[in-house]
Amino acid sequence: MVYADREHFANLSYLTGYDPRFEESLLIMVPGRAPVLLVGNEGVSYAAVVPPEVEVVLYQSFSLVSQDRSASPRLGAVLASAGLGSDGGVRQVGVAGWKWFGPSEASDPTLWVDAPAFIVDVLRFMAEVLGISLKPEVLPLSNLAGYLPPFWLSPQLAMRRK
């Protein structure tokens, strides 16, 4: 999973071409399935920039507070339909935010996840209810890591299927 917001968009933009200008976004990548991009109300039409193999799903909890946020299913249901869960879905999840934490910052930095608590809590509300084993680690990617060679001129290769 790749979380992004306005200030921390590089990983998501690199993988999909989508820049979450107004709201948060979450890219879910499960082996053997099409990637799923969750966007808020304002992001739906802007998500036309993503590759056709990426499924765009309206998740209104990423919308601004003053907008309608009542029509989307709960996050756990959205994640399960994207391929996470005990019914044949993946059982280990990695979360890529934008910050890496070292041992000088925490007694166990592998437990620190750089994504909003409401997302991480559902991933953890899934370990208990849906039977997913969440690995407590964060992929150490910076804002620039996705833009380094060899994919600088060919970002479409990052979403290549086998």
N, C-alpha and C. Protein backbone atom coordinates (compact mmCIF):
# COMPACT_ATOMS: atom_id res chain seq x y z
N MET A 1 0.83 -1.16 0.00
CA MET A 1 0.00 0.00 0.00
C MET A 1 0.88 1.23 0.00
N VAL A 2 0.47 2.21 -0.77
CA VAL A 2 1.21 3.48 -0.85
C VAL A 2 0.26 4.61 -0.48
N TYR A 3 0.54 5.27 0.63
CA TYR A 3 -0.27 6.39 1.09
C TYR A 3 0.34 7.68 0.54
N ALA A 4 -0.53 8.62 0.17
CA ALA A 4 -0.05 9.92 -0.33
C ALA A 4 -1.02 11.02 0.05
N ASP A 5 -0.47 12.21 0.22
CA ASP A 5 -1.28 13.42 0.38
C ASP A 5 -0.57 14.54 -0.37
N ARG A 6 -1.04 15.74 -0.26
CA ARG A 6 -0.51 16.86 -1.05
C ARG A 6 0.99 17.06 -0.86
N GLU A 7 1.44 16.97 0.37
CA GLU A 7 2.85 17.22 0.64
C GLU A 7 3.74 16.02 0.38
N HIS A 8 3.18 14.83 0.37
CA HIS A 8 3.96 13.60 0.27
C HIS A 8 3.40 12.72 -0.85
N PHE A 9 3.65 13.13 -2.06
CA PHE A 9 3.00 12.52 -3.22
C PHE A 9 3.93 11.74 -4.14
N ALA A 10 5.24 11.85 -3.95
CA ALA A 10 6.20 11.37 -4.95
C ALA A 10 6.05 9.88 -5.27
N ASN A 11 5.91 9.02 -4.26
CA ASN A 11 5.80 7.59 -4.53
C ASN A 11 4.57 7.27 -5.36
N LEU A 12 3.43 7.86 -5.00
CA LEU A 12 2.20 7.61 -5.74
C LEU A 12 2.27 8.19 -7.15
N SER A 13 2.78 9.38 -7.27
CA SER A 13 2.91 10.00 -8.58
C SER A 13 3.82 9.19 -9.49
N TYR A 14 4.88 8.67 -8.93
CA TYR A 14 5.81 7.85 -9.70
C TYR A 14 5.14 6.57 -10.20
N LEU A 15 4.36 5.94 -9.35
CA LEU A 15 3.74 4.66 -9.71
C LEU A 15 2.53 4.79 -10.63
N THR A 16 1.78 5.90 -10.52
CA THR A 16 0.53 6.00 -11.27
C THR A 16 0.39 7.25 -12.13
N GLY A 17 1.20 8.27 -11.90
CA GLY A 17 1.03 9.54 -12.59
C GLY A 17 0.02 10.44 -11.89
N TYR A 18 -0.60 9.95 -10.83
CA TYR A 18 -1.62 10.70 -10.09
C TYR A 18 -0.97 11.49 -8.96
N ASP A 19 -1.30 12.77 -8.90
CA ASP A 19 -0.81 13.66 -7.85
C ASP A 19 -2.02 14.09 -7.02
N PRO A 20 -2.11 13.67 -5.76
CA PRO A 20 -3.28 14.00 -4.95
C PRO A 20 -3.29 15.48 -4.54
N ARG A 21 -3.75 16.32 -5.42
CA ARG A 21 -3.69 17.76 -5.21
C ARG A 21 -4.59 18.26 -4.09
N PHE A 22 -5.73 17.64 -3.89
CA PHE A 22 -6.72 18.18 -2.96
C PHE A 22 -6.97 17.28 -1.76
N GLU A 23 -6.77 15.99 -1.91
CA GLU A 23 -7.17 15.04 -0.88
C GLU A 23 -6.12 13.94 -0.75
N GLU A 24 -6.30 13.12 0.24
CA GLU A 24 -5.43 11.97 0.43
C GLU A 24 -5.75 10.90 -0.62
N SER A 25 -4.84 9.94 -0.77
CA SER A 25 -5.05 8.82 -1.69
C SER A 25 -4.32 7.60 -1.12
N LEU A 26 -4.74 6.44 -1.60
CA LEU A 26 -4.11 5.20 -1.17
C LEU A 26 -4.10 4.25 -2.36
N LEU A 27 -2.90 3.76 -2.70
CA LEU A 27 -2.75 2.78 -3.77
C LEU A 27 -2.55 1.42 -3.15
N ILE A 28 -3.38 0.46 -3.56
CA ILE A 28 -3.30 -0.90 -3.04
C ILE A 28 -2.82 -1.80 -4.17
N MET A 29 -1.71 -2.45 -3.94
CA MET A 29 -1.14 -3.35 -4.96
C MET A 29 -1.05 -4.75 -4.38
N VAL A 30 -1.80 -5.67 -4.99
CA VAL A 30 -1.85 -7.06 -4.56
C VAL A 30 -1.37 -7.91 -5.73
N PRO A 31 -0.41 -8.81 -5.51
CA PRO A 31 0.07 -9.65 -6.60
C PRO A 31 -1.06 -10.38 -7.32
N GLY A 32 -1.01 -10.37 -8.64
CA GLY A 32 -2.01 -11.06 -9.45
C GLY A 32 -3.31 -10.31 -9.64
N ARG A 33 -3.40 -9.08 -9.14
CA ARG A 33 -4.63 -8.28 -9.27
C ARG A 33 -4.28 -6.91 -9.80
N ALA A 34 -5.26 -6.26 -10.38
CA ALA A 34 -5.07 -4.88 -10.84
C ALA A 34 -4.89 -3.97 -9.62
N PRO A 35 -3.97 -3.00 -9.69
CA PRO A 35 -3.84 -2.05 -8.60
C PRO A 35 -5.13 -1.25 -8.42
N VAL A 36 -5.41 -0.85 -7.18
CA VAL A 36 -6.61 -0.08 -6.85
C VAL A 36 -6.16 1.23 -6.22
N LEU A 37 -6.68 2.33 -6.74
CA LEU A 37 -6.36 3.66 -6.22
C LEU A 37 -7.61 4.24 -5.57
N LEU A 38 -7.53 4.51 -4.26
CA LEU A 38 -8.63 5.13 -3.54
C LEU A 38 -8.45 6.63 -3.57
N VAL A 39 -9.50 7.35 -3.99
CA VAL A 39 -9.46 8.82 -4.07
C VAL A 39 -10.75 9.37 -3.49
N GLY A 40 -10.71 10.65 -3.09
CA GLY A 40 -11.89 11.33 -2.58
C GLY A 40 -12.72 11.92 -3.70
N ASN A 41 -13.77 12.65 -3.34
CA ASN A 41 -14.70 13.23 -4.32
C ASN A 41 -14.00 14.06 -5.38
N GLU A 42 -13.10 14.94 -4.97
CA GLU A 42 -12.44 15.82 -5.94
C GLU A 42 -11.40 15.11 -6.77
N GLY A 43 -10.95 13.94 -6.32
CA GLY A 43 -9.92 13.23 -7.04
C GLY A 43 -10.41 12.32 -8.14
N VAL A 44 -11.70 12.04 -8.19
CA VAL A 44 -12.23 11.07 -9.16
C VAL A 44 -11.96 11.51 -10.60
N SER A 45 -12.33 12.72 -10.95
CA SER A 45 -12.12 13.15 -12.34
C SER A 45 -10.64 13.36 -12.64
N TYR A 46 -9.88 13.81 -11.65
CA TYR A 46 -8.45 14.02 -11.85
C TYR A 46 -7.71 12.70 -12.03
N ALA A 47 -8.27 11.60 -11.53
CA ALA A 47 -7.63 10.29 -11.62
C ALA A 47 -7.64 9.72 -13.04
N ALA A 48 -8.17 10.47 -13.99
CA ALA A 48 -8.14 10.03 -15.39
C ALA A 48 -6.71 9.90 -15.91
N VAL A 49 -5.73 10.43 -15.18
CA VAL A 49 -4.33 10.36 -15.61
C VAL A 49 -3.68 9.01 -15.31
N VAL A 50 -4.32 8.18 -14.49
CA VAL A 50 -3.69 6.91 -14.11
C VAL A 50 -3.76 5.93 -15.28
N PRO A 51 -2.81 4.97 -15.32
CA PRO A 51 -2.85 3.96 -16.38
C PRO A 51 -4.17 3.19 -16.34
N PRO A 52 -4.64 2.70 -17.49
CA PRO A 52 -5.94 2.02 -17.55
C PRO A 52 -6.02 0.77 -16.67
N GLU A 53 -4.90 0.14 -16.38
CA GLU A 53 -4.95 -1.07 -15.56
C GLU A 53 -5.17 -0.78 -14.07
N VAL A 54 -5.10 0.48 -13.67
CA VAL A 54 -5.34 0.86 -12.28
C VAL A 54 -6.83 1.16 -12.10
N GLU A 55 -7.46 0.45 -11.17
CA GLU A 55 -8.88 0.68 -10.88
C GLU A 55 -9.00 1.85 -9.91
N VAL A 56 -9.78 2.85 -10.27
CA VAL A 56 -10.00 4.01 -9.40
C VAL A 56 -11.29 3.80 -8.63
N VAL A 57 -11.21 3.92 -7.30
CA VAL A 57 -12.36 3.71 -6.43
C VAL A 57 -12.59 4.96 -5.60
N LEU A 58 -13.83 5.44 -5.58
CA LEU A 58 -14.19 6.57 -4.75
C LEU A 58 -14.25 6.12 -3.29
N TYR A 59 -13.42 6.74 -2.49
CA TYR A 59 -13.44 6.50 -1.04
C TYR A 59 -13.62 7.86 -0.39
N GLN A 60 -14.86 8.18 -0.05
CA GLN A 60 -15.22 9.53 0.36
C GLN A 60 -14.62 9.99 1.69
N SER A 61 -14.11 9.09 2.48
CA SER A 61 -13.46 9.52 3.72
C SER A 61 -12.19 10.32 3.42
N PHE A 62 -11.67 10.22 2.21
CA PHE A 62 -10.53 11.05 1.80
C PHE A 62 -10.99 12.44 1.34
N SER A 63 -12.29 12.66 1.25
CA SER A 63 -12.83 13.94 0.81
C SER A 63 -12.76 14.96 1.94
N LEU A 64 -12.88 16.22 1.56
CA LEU A 64 -12.87 17.29 2.55
C LEU A 64 -14.07 17.18 3.48
N VAL A 65 -13.94 17.70 4.67
CA VAL A 65 -14.96 17.55 5.70
C VAL A 65 -16.31 18.11 5.27
N SER A 66 -16.34 19.20 4.54
CA SER A 66 -17.61 19.82 4.16
C SER A 66 -18.31 19.12 2.99
N GLN A 67 -17.69 18.11 2.41
CA GLN A 67 -18.29 17.40 1.28
C GLN A 67 -19.02 16.14 1.75
N ASP A 68 -19.89 15.63 0.87
CA ASP A 68 -20.60 14.39 1.18
C ASP A 68 -19.59 13.26 1.34
N ARG A 69 -19.67 12.56 2.46
CA ARG A 69 -18.78 11.44 2.72
C ARG A 69 -19.59 10.24 3.19
N SER A 70 -20.84 10.15 2.74
CA SER A 70 -21.75 9.13 3.27
C SER A 70 -21.97 7.94 2.34
N ALA A 71 -21.50 8.00 1.10
CA ALA A 71 -21.86 6.97 0.12
C ALA A 71 -20.83 5.84 -0.02
N SER A 72 -19.66 5.98 0.56
CA SER A 72 -18.62 4.96 0.40
C SER A 72 -18.73 3.88 1.47
N PRO A 73 -18.33 2.67 1.12
CA PRO A 73 -18.27 1.62 2.14
C PRO A 73 -17.14 1.91 3.12
N ARG A 74 -17.11 1.20 4.21
CA ARG A 74 -16.05 1.37 5.21
C ARG A 74 -14.72 0.89 4.64
N LEU A 75 -13.64 1.42 5.20
CA LEU A 75 -12.30 1.12 4.68
C LEU A 75 -12.00 -0.38 4.68
N GLY A 76 -12.37 -1.09 5.72
CA GLY A 76 -12.12 -2.53 5.76
C GLY A 76 -12.75 -3.26 4.59
N ALA A 77 -13.96 -2.88 4.22
CA ALA A 77 -14.64 -3.51 3.09
C ALA A 77 -13.95 -3.18 1.78
N VAL A 78 -13.48 -1.94 1.65
CA VAL A 78 -12.78 -1.53 0.43
C VAL A 78 -11.48 -2.31 0.30
N LEU A 79 -10.73 -2.43 1.39
CA LEU A 79 -9.46 -3.17 1.36
C LEU A 79 -9.69 -4.64 1.04
N ALA A 80 -10.73 -5.23 1.62
CA ALA A 80 -11.03 -6.64 1.34
C ALA A 80 -11.38 -6.84 -0.13
N SER A 81 -12.15 -5.93 -0.71
CA SER A 81 -12.52 -6.08 -2.12
C SER A 81 -11.32 -5.85 -3.04
N ALA A 82 -10.30 -5.17 -2.54
CA ALA A 82 -9.08 -4.95 -3.33
C ALA A 82 -8.12 -6.13 -3.23
N GLY A 83 -8.44 -7.12 -2.40
CA GLY A 83 -7.61 -8.32 -2.33
C GLY A 83 -6.91 -8.56 -1.02
N LEU A 84 -7.24 -7.81 0.02
CA LEU A 84 -6.66 -8.05 1.33
C LEU A 84 -7.67 -8.80 2.18
N GLY A 85 -7.25 -9.86 2.84
CA GLY A 85 -8.18 -10.55 3.72
C GLY A 85 -8.03 -12.04 3.72
N SER A 86 -8.84 -12.68 4.54
CA SER A 86 -8.73 -14.12 4.74
C SER A 86 -9.38 -14.95 3.64
N ASP A 87 -10.22 -14.37 2.82
CA ASP A 87 -10.90 -15.12 1.77
C ASP A 87 -10.07 -15.16 0.50
N GLY A 88 -8.87 -15.73 0.58
CA GLY A 88 -8.01 -15.85 -0.58
C GLY A 88 -7.16 -14.62 -0.86
N GLY A 89 -7.28 -13.58 -0.06
CA GLY A 89 -6.50 -12.37 -0.26
C GLY A 89 -5.14 -12.48 0.42
N VAL A 90 -4.31 -11.47 0.20
CA VAL A 90 -2.99 -11.46 0.83
C VAL A 90 -3.13 -11.27 2.33
N ARG A 91 -2.16 -11.79 3.07
CA ARG A 91 -2.22 -11.73 4.52
C ARG A 91 -1.07 -10.92 5.12
N GLN A 92 -0.16 -10.44 4.30
CA GLN A 92 0.91 -9.58 4.79
C GLN A 92 0.87 -8.28 4.02
N VAL A 93 1.00 -7.17 4.74
CA VAL A 93 0.85 -5.86 4.14
C VAL A 93 2.05 -5.00 4.48
N GLY A 94 2.58 -4.30 3.47
CA GLY A 94 3.61 -3.30 3.66
C GLY A 94 3.02 -1.95 3.35
N VAL A 95 3.38 -0.93 4.13
CA VAL A 95 2.86 0.41 3.93
C VAL A 95 4.03 1.34 3.60
N ALA A 96 3.94 2.01 2.45
CA ALA A 96 4.95 2.99 2.07
C ALA A 96 4.39 4.38 2.30
N GLY A 97 5.00 5.09 3.20
CA GLY A 97 4.67 6.49 3.42
C GLY A 97 5.75 7.32 2.75
N TRP A 98 6.33 8.23 3.49
CA TRP A 98 7.41 9.03 2.90
C TRP A 98 8.59 9.18 3.81
N LYS A 99 8.51 8.68 5.03
CA LYS A 99 9.57 8.90 5.99
C LYS A 99 10.11 7.59 6.51
N TRP A 100 11.42 7.54 6.71
CA TRP A 100 12.09 6.39 7.30
C TRP A 100 12.50 6.77 8.71
N PHE A 101 12.33 5.86 9.67
CA PHE A 101 12.69 6.12 11.05
C PHE A 101 13.85 5.21 11.46
N GLY A 102 14.77 5.76 12.20
CA GLY A 102 15.94 5.01 12.64
C GLY A 102 15.93 4.71 14.13
N PRO A 103 16.90 3.92 14.58
CA PRO A 103 16.95 3.51 15.98
C PRO A 103 17.19 4.67 16.95
N SER A 104 17.70 5.78 16.48
CA SER A 104 17.90 6.92 17.38
C SER A 104 16.57 7.63 17.70
N GLU A 105 15.52 7.31 16.94
CA GLU A 105 14.22 7.97 17.14
C GLU A 105 13.23 7.16 17.95
N ALA A 106 13.40 5.84 17.96
CA ALA A 106 12.45 4.98 18.65
C ALA A 106 13.15 3.70 19.08
N SER A 107 12.65 3.08 20.13
CA SER A 107 13.25 1.83 20.58
C SER A 107 13.03 0.72 19.55
N ASP A 108 11.95 0.78 18.80
CA ASP A 108 11.70 -0.19 17.73
C ASP A 108 11.10 0.54 16.53
N PRO A 109 11.95 1.15 15.68
CA PRO A 109 11.42 1.93 14.55
C PRO A 109 10.65 1.10 13.53
N THR A 110 10.79 -0.23 13.54
CA THR A 110 10.03 -1.04 12.58
C THR A 110 8.54 -1.01 12.88
N LEU A 111 8.17 -0.57 14.09
CA LEU A 111 6.76 -0.48 14.44
C LEU A 111 6.15 0.87 14.08
N TRP A 112 6.95 1.82 13.67
CA TRP A 112 6.45 3.12 13.30
C TRP A 112 6.02 3.09 11.84
N VAL A 113 4.80 3.47 11.57
CA VAL A 113 4.26 3.47 10.21
C VAL A 113 3.90 4.90 9.85
N ASP A 114 4.40 5.38 8.72
CA ASP A 114 4.17 6.75 8.29
C ASP A 114 2.93 6.82 7.40
N ALA A 115 1.80 6.63 8.03
CA ALA A 115 0.50 6.75 7.37
C ALA A 115 -0.50 7.08 8.47
N PRO A 116 -1.65 7.66 8.13
CA PRO A 116 -2.63 8.03 9.16
C PRO A 116 -3.08 6.83 9.99
N ALA A 117 -3.30 7.08 11.26
CA ALA A 117 -3.70 6.02 12.19
C ALA A 117 -4.98 5.32 11.76
N PHE A 118 -5.93 6.06 11.15
CA PHE A 118 -7.19 5.40 10.79
C PHE A 118 -6.98 4.33 9.72
N ILE A 119 -5.97 4.47 8.89
CA ILE A 119 -5.65 3.43 7.89
C ILE A 119 -4.91 2.29 8.56
N VAL A 120 -3.89 2.61 9.34
CA VAL A 120 -3.09 1.58 10.01
C VAL A 120 -3.95 0.78 10.99
N ASP A 121 -4.86 1.44 11.70
CA ASP A 121 -5.74 0.73 12.63
C ASP A 121 -6.60 -0.30 11.91
N VAL A 122 -7.12 0.04 10.74
CA VAL A 122 -7.92 -0.92 9.97
C VAL A 122 -7.05 -2.09 9.53
N LEU A 123 -5.83 -1.81 9.13
CA LEU A 123 -4.93 -2.90 8.73
C LEU A 123 -4.61 -3.81 9.91
N ARG A 124 -4.45 -3.18 11.10
CA ARG A 124 -4.15 -3.99 12.29
C ARG A 124 -5.34 -4.82 12.67
N PHE A 125 -7.70 -3.54 12.63
CA PHE A 125 -8.99 -4.01 12.80
C PHE A 125 -9.09 -5.14 11.91
N MET A 126 -8.16 -5.59 10.72
CA MET A 126 -8.20 -6.69 9.72
C MET A 126 -7.43 -7.90 10.24
N ALA A 127 -6.26 -7.73 10.93
CA ALA A 127 -5.50 -8.84 11.49
C ALA A 127 -6.36 -9.66 12.43
N GLU A 128 -7.19 -9.00 13.19
CA GLU A 128 -8.03 -9.71 14.16
C GLU A 128 -9.29 -10.28 13.52
N VAL A 129 -9.96 -9.50 12.68
CA VAL A 129 -11.25 -9.92 12.15
C VAL A 129 -11.13 -10.73 10.87
N LEU A 130 -10.26 -10.28 9.94
CA LEU A 130 -10.16 -10.95 8.65
C LEU A 130 -9.01 -11.95 8.58
N GLY A 131 -8.15 -11.97 9.59
CA GLY A 131 -7.08 -12.95 9.61
C GLY A 131 -5.86 -12.55 8.81
N ILE A 132 -5.63 -11.26 8.61
CA ILE A 132 -4.44 -10.81 7.90
C ILE A 132 -3.31 -10.63 8.90
N SER A 133 -2.13 -11.12 8.58
CA SER A 133 -0.96 -10.90 9.41
C SER A 133 -0.25 -9.65 8.90
N LEU A 134 -0.29 -8.60 9.69
CA LEU A 134 0.36 -7.35 9.30
C LEU A 134 1.80 -7.34 9.76
N LYS A 135 2.72 -7.20 8.84
CA LYS A 135 4.12 -7.07 9.19
C LYS A 135 4.37 -5.64 9.64
N PRO A 136 4.95 -5.45 10.81
CA PRO A 136 5.13 -4.09 11.33
C PRO A 136 6.38 -3.42 10.75
N GLU A 137 6.36 -3.14 9.44
CA GLU A 137 7.48 -2.47 8.84
C GLU A 137 7.03 -1.46 7.80
N VAL A 138 7.87 -0.51 7.57
CA VAL A 138 7.62 0.54 6.61
C VAL A 138 8.68 0.46 5.53
N LEU A 139 8.29 0.53 4.27
CA LEU A 139 9.27 0.57 3.21
C LEU A 139 10.00 1.91 3.27
N PRO A 140 11.31 1.92 3.40
CA PRO A 140 12.04 3.18 3.58
C PRO A 140 12.23 3.93 2.26
N LEU A 141 11.19 4.57 1.79
CA LEU A 141 11.27 5.34 0.56
C LEU A 141 11.20 6.82 0.89
N SER A 142 11.97 7.59 0.19
CA SER A 142 11.91 9.04 0.38
C SER A 142 11.12 9.65 -0.76
N ASN A 143 10.98 10.96 -0.75
CA ASN A 143 10.30 11.63 -1.84
C ASN A 143 11.05 11.47 -3.16
N LEU A 144 12.35 11.22 -3.10
CA LEU A 144 13.15 11.15 -4.31
C LEU A 144 13.45 9.73 -4.78
N ALA A 145 13.30 8.74 -3.92
CA ALA A 145 13.72 7.38 -4.27
C ALA A 145 13.07 6.87 -5.55
N GLY A 146 11.80 7.16 -5.76
CA GLY A 146 11.12 6.68 -6.95
C GLY A 146 11.55 7.36 -8.23
N TYR A 147 12.27 8.44 -8.14
CA TYR A 147 12.66 9.17 -9.33
C TYR A 147 14.10 8.91 -9.75
N LEU A 148 14.74 7.96 -9.13
CA LEU A 148 16.11 7.63 -9.48
C LEU A 148 16.13 6.62 -10.62
N PRO A 149 17.20 6.57 -11.43
CA PRO A 149 17.30 5.60 -12.51
C PRO A 149 17.15 4.20 -11.94
N PRO A 150 16.68 3.23 -12.69
CA PRO A 150 16.52 3.26 -14.14
C PRO A 150 15.14 3.70 -14.60
N PHE A 151 14.22 4.06 -13.70
CA PHE A 151 12.86 4.36 -14.11
C PHE A 151 12.58 5.84 -14.35
N TRP A 152 13.59 6.68 -14.29
CA TRP A 152 13.38 8.12 -14.45
C TRP A 152 12.61 8.43 -15.74
N LEU A 153 13.01 7.82 -16.83
CA LEU A 153 12.37 8.10 -18.11
C LEU A 153 11.32 7.06 -18.49
N SER A 154 11.17 6.01 -17.67
CA SER A 154 10.20 4.96 -17.99
C SER A 154 9.39 4.56 -16.76
N PRO A 155 8.61 5.47 -16.18
CA PRO A 155 7.85 5.11 -14.98
C PRO A 155 6.81 4.02 -15.23
N GLN A 156 6.40 3.81 -16.49
CA GLN A 156 5.41 2.77 -16.78
C GLN A 156 5.95 1.38 -16.46
N LEU A 157 7.26 1.22 -16.37
CA LEU A 157 7.83 -0.08 -16.04
C LEU A 157 7.58 -0.48 -14.59
N ALA A 158 7.31 0.48 -13.73
CA ALA A 158 7.07 0.18 -12.32
C ALA A 158 5.75 -0.57 -12.14
N MET A 159 4.81 -0.45 -13.06
CA MET A 159 3.52 -1.10 -12.95
C MET A 159 3.42 -2.29 -13.90
N ARG A 160 4.53 -2.77 -14.39
CA ARG A 160 4.55 -3.85 -15.36
C ARG A 160 4.07 -5.17 -14.75
N ARG A 161 3.24 -5.89 -15.49
CA ARG A 161 2.77 -7.21 -15.06
C ARG A 161 3.69 -8.27 -15.64
N LYS A 162 3.79 -9.39 -14.92
CA LYS A 162 4.60 -10.51 -15.41
C LYS A 162 3.81 -11.33 -16.39
